[in-house]
Amino acid sequence: MSRRVNHCPLGQHHMLDRVAYDYVTAIRKRGANVAKIKYELAERAKKFTDEERNKLRELIQKWLENIK
């Protein structure tokens, strides 16, 4: 059995960073159905651990501040 090596600088949080970025860009689009987008993220986040949810919140805050 081979062990996977993660060469991403964000490590295990790369996927969460991508989810956060996609979420923020989607809700910032003109005419976006924000309620639907939030619901879809909540459904997706049910699969995450508490630690991953907390990290996702931090990453969403980061992107909200950086994307104007």
N, C-alpha and C. Protein backbone atom coordinates (compact mmCIF):
# COMPACT_ATOMS: atom_id res chain seq x y z
N MET A 1 0.84 -1.17 0.00
CA MET A 1 0.00 0.00 0.00
C MET A 1 0.89 1.24 0.00
N SER A 2 0.69 2.12 -0.96
CA SER A 2 1.51 3.32 -1.03
C SER A 2 0.84 4.45 -0.25
N ARG A 3 1.67 5.27 0.31
CA ARG A 3 1.17 6.39 1.10
C ARG A 3 1.16 7.64 0.22
N ARG A 4 0.06 8.38 0.25
CA ARG A 4 -0.05 9.60 -0.53
C ARG A 4 0.72 10.72 0.15
N VAL A 5 1.36 11.52 -0.65
CA VAL A 5 2.10 12.67 -0.14
C VAL A 5 1.41 13.91 -0.64
N ASN A 6 1.10 14.80 0.27
CA ASN A 6 0.42 16.04 -0.09
C ASN A 6 1.47 17.13 -0.23
N HIS A 7 1.70 17.59 -1.45
CA HIS A 7 2.71 18.60 -1.70
C HIS A 7 2.13 20.02 -1.68
N CYS A 8 0.88 20.15 -1.39
CA CYS A 8 0.23 21.45 -1.36
C CYS A 8 0.69 22.23 -0.13
N PRO A 9 1.00 23.52 -0.28
CA PRO A 9 1.43 24.30 0.88
C PRO A 9 0.34 24.45 1.94
N LEU A 10 -0.92 24.33 1.53
CA LEU A 10 -2.01 24.42 2.49
C LEU A 10 -2.26 23.09 3.19
N GLY A 11 -1.64 22.05 2.70
CA GLY A 11 -1.78 20.73 3.32
C GLY A 11 -3.19 20.22 3.24
N GLN A 12 -3.66 19.70 4.37
CA GLN A 12 -4.97 19.07 4.39
C GLN A 12 -6.12 20.06 4.22
N HIS A 13 -5.84 21.35 4.35
CA HIS A 13 -6.91 22.34 4.27
C HIS A 13 -7.11 22.91 2.87
N HIS A 14 -6.39 22.36 1.90
CA HIS A 14 -6.52 22.87 0.54
C HIS A 14 -7.94 22.73 0.02
N MET A 15 -8.56 21.58 0.24
CA MET A 15 -9.92 21.36 -0.22
C MET A 15 -10.88 22.34 0.46
N LEU A 16 -10.67 22.57 1.75
CA LEU A 16 -11.53 23.51 2.47
C LEU A 16 -11.34 24.93 1.95
N ASP A 17 -10.11 25.28 1.61
CA ASP A 17 -9.84 26.61 1.07
C ASP A 17 -10.56 26.79 -0.25
N ARG A 18 -10.58 25.76 -1.05
CA ARG A 18 -11.27 25.82 -2.34
C ARG A 18 -12.78 25.95 -2.14
N VAL A 19 -13.33 25.22 -1.19
CA VAL A 19 -14.76 25.31 -0.89
C VAL A 19 -15.10 26.73 -0.43
N ALA A 20 -14.28 27.29 0.45
CA ALA A 20 -14.51 28.64 0.96
C ALA A 20 -14.44 29.67 -0.17
N TYR A 21 -13.44 29.55 -1.03
CA TYR A 21 -13.29 30.48 -2.15
C TYR A 21 -14.50 30.41 -3.09
N ASP A 22 -14.89 29.20 -3.44
CA ASP A 22 -16.04 29.03 -4.33
C ASP A 22 -17.32 29.59 -3.71
N TYR A 23 -17.48 29.40 -2.41
CA TYR A 23 -18.66 29.89 -1.70
C TYR A 23 -18.71 31.42 -1.75
N VAL A 24 -17.59 32.05 -1.41
CA VAL A 24 -17.56 33.52 -1.36
C VAL A 24 -17.75 34.11 -2.75
N THR A 25 -17.12 33.56 -3.76
CA THR A 25 -17.30 34.09 -5.11
C THR A 25 -18.74 33.88 -5.59
N ALA A 26 -19.36 32.79 -5.19
CA ALA A 26 -20.75 32.53 -5.61
C ALA A 26 -21.72 33.51 -4.97
N ILE A 27 -21.54 33.81 -3.69
CA ILE A 27 -22.49 34.73 -3.03
C ILE A 27 -22.23 36.18 -3.43
N ARG A 28 -21.05 36.47 -3.95
CA ARG A 28 -20.73 37.84 -4.37
C ARG A 28 -21.23 38.15 -5.79
N LYS A 29 -21.63 37.12 -6.54
CA LYS A 29 -22.11 37.35 -7.90
C LYS A 29 -23.43 38.09 -7.86
N ARG A 30 -23.60 38.97 -8.82
CA ARG A 30 -24.84 39.73 -8.92
C ARG A 30 -26.00 38.78 -9.21
N GLY A 31 -27.07 38.92 -8.46
CA GLY A 31 -28.26 38.09 -8.66
C GLY A 31 -28.16 36.70 -8.09
N ALA A 32 -27.18 36.47 -7.24
CA ALA A 32 -26.98 35.13 -6.67
C ALA A 32 -28.10 34.80 -5.69
N ASN A 33 -28.51 33.55 -5.70
CA ASN A 33 -29.50 33.06 -4.76
C ASN A 33 -28.75 32.65 -3.48
N VAL A 34 -28.53 33.63 -2.60
CA VAL A 34 -27.68 33.45 -1.43
C VAL A 34 -28.24 32.37 -0.50
N ALA A 35 -29.53 32.33 -0.32
CA ALA A 35 -30.12 31.32 0.56
C ALA A 35 -29.83 29.91 0.05
N LYS A 36 -29.94 29.71 -1.25
CA LYS A 36 -29.67 28.40 -1.84
C LYS A 36 -28.20 28.04 -1.68
N ILE A 37 -27.32 29.00 -1.91
CA ILE A 37 -25.88 28.75 -1.80
C ILE A 37 -25.50 28.40 -0.36
N LYS A 38 -26.06 29.12 0.60
CA LYS A 38 -25.79 28.84 2.01
C LYS A 38 -26.31 27.46 2.40
N TYR A 39 -27.49 27.11 1.91
CA TYR A 39 -28.06 25.80 2.21
C TYR A 39 -27.17 24.68 1.64
N GLU A 40 -26.71 24.85 0.42
CA GLU A 40 -25.86 23.84 -0.20
C GLU A 40 -24.55 23.68 0.57
N LEU A 41 -23.98 24.79 1.04
CA LEU A 41 -22.76 24.70 1.84
C LEU A 41 -23.03 24.00 3.16
N ALA A 42 -24.15 24.31 3.79
CA ALA A 42 -24.49 23.66 5.06
C ALA A 42 -24.66 22.16 4.88
N GLU A 43 -25.28 21.74 3.80
CA GLU A 43 -25.44 20.31 3.52
C GLU A 43 -24.08 19.65 3.29
N ARG A 44 -23.23 20.33 2.58
CA ARG A 44 -21.89 19.79 2.32
C ARG A 44 -21.07 19.72 3.60
N ALA A 45 -21.22 20.71 4.46
CA ALA A 45 -20.43 20.79 5.70
C ALA A 45 -20.86 19.73 6.71
N LYS A 46 -22.01 19.12 6.55
CA LYS A 46 -22.44 18.07 7.48
C LYS A 46 -21.48 16.89 7.47
N LYS A 47 -20.77 16.71 6.36
CA LYS A 47 -19.84 15.59 6.23
C LYS A 47 -18.49 15.89 6.90
N PHE A 48 -18.25 17.15 7.24
CA PHE A 48 -16.97 17.55 7.81
C PHE A 48 -16.94 17.34 9.32
N THR A 49 -15.73 17.21 9.86
CA THR A 49 -15.56 17.13 11.31
C THR A 49 -15.70 18.53 11.89
N ASP A 50 -15.80 18.62 13.22
CA ASP A 50 -15.90 19.92 13.87
C ASP A 50 -14.67 20.77 13.58
N GLU A 51 -13.51 20.15 13.58
CA GLU A 51 -12.27 20.88 13.30
C GLU A 51 -12.28 21.44 11.87
N GLU A 52 -12.75 20.64 10.93
CA GLU A 52 -12.81 21.09 9.54
C GLU A 52 -13.83 22.22 9.39
N ARG A 53 -14.95 22.13 10.10
CA ARG A 53 -15.95 23.21 10.03
C ARG A 53 -15.39 24.53 10.57
N ASN A 54 -14.65 24.43 11.67
CA ASN A 54 -14.04 25.64 12.23
C ASN A 54 -13.03 26.24 11.26
N LYS A 55 -12.21 25.40 10.64
CA LYS A 55 -11.24 25.88 9.66
C LYS A 55 -11.95 26.48 8.46
N LEU A 56 -13.05 25.88 8.04
CA LEU A 56 -13.82 26.41 6.92
C LEU A 56 -14.35 27.80 7.24
N ARG A 57 -14.83 28.00 8.46
CA ARG A 57 -15.30 29.33 8.87
C ARG A 57 -14.18 30.36 8.78
N GLU A 58 -12.99 29.97 9.26
CA GLU A 58 -11.83 30.87 9.19
C GLU A 58 -11.49 31.22 7.75
N LEU A 59 -11.52 30.22 6.89
CA LEU A 59 -11.17 30.44 5.48
C LEU A 59 -12.22 31.30 4.78
N ILE A 60 -13.49 31.13 5.11
CA ILE A 60 -14.54 31.97 4.54
C ILE A 60 -14.32 33.41 4.95
N GLN A 61 -13.99 33.64 6.22
CA GLN A 61 -13.70 35.00 6.69
C GLN A 61 -12.53 35.59 5.93
N LYS A 62 -11.49 34.79 5.71
CA LYS A 62 -10.32 35.25 4.97
C LYS A 62 -10.72 35.69 3.57
N TRP A 63 -11.52 34.89 2.89
CA TRP A 63 -11.90 35.23 1.52
C TRP A 63 -12.88 36.38 1.48
N LEU A 64 -13.75 36.51 2.48
CA LEU A 64 -14.67 37.64 2.52
C LEU A 64 -13.90 38.96 2.64
N GLU A 65 -12.81 38.94 3.39
CA GLU A 65 -11.99 40.13 3.55
C GLU A 65 -11.15 40.42 2.31
N ASN A 66 -10.71 39.37 1.62
CA ASN A 66 -9.79 39.56 0.49
C ASN A 66 -10.48 39.77 -0.85
N ILE A 67 -11.72 39.32 -0.99
CA ILE A 67 -12.44 39.49 -2.26
C ILE A 67 -13.45 40.60 -2.07
N LYS A 68 -13.25 41.65 -2.78
CA LYS A 68 -14.16 42.81 -2.66
C LYS A 68 -15.01 42.94 -3.87
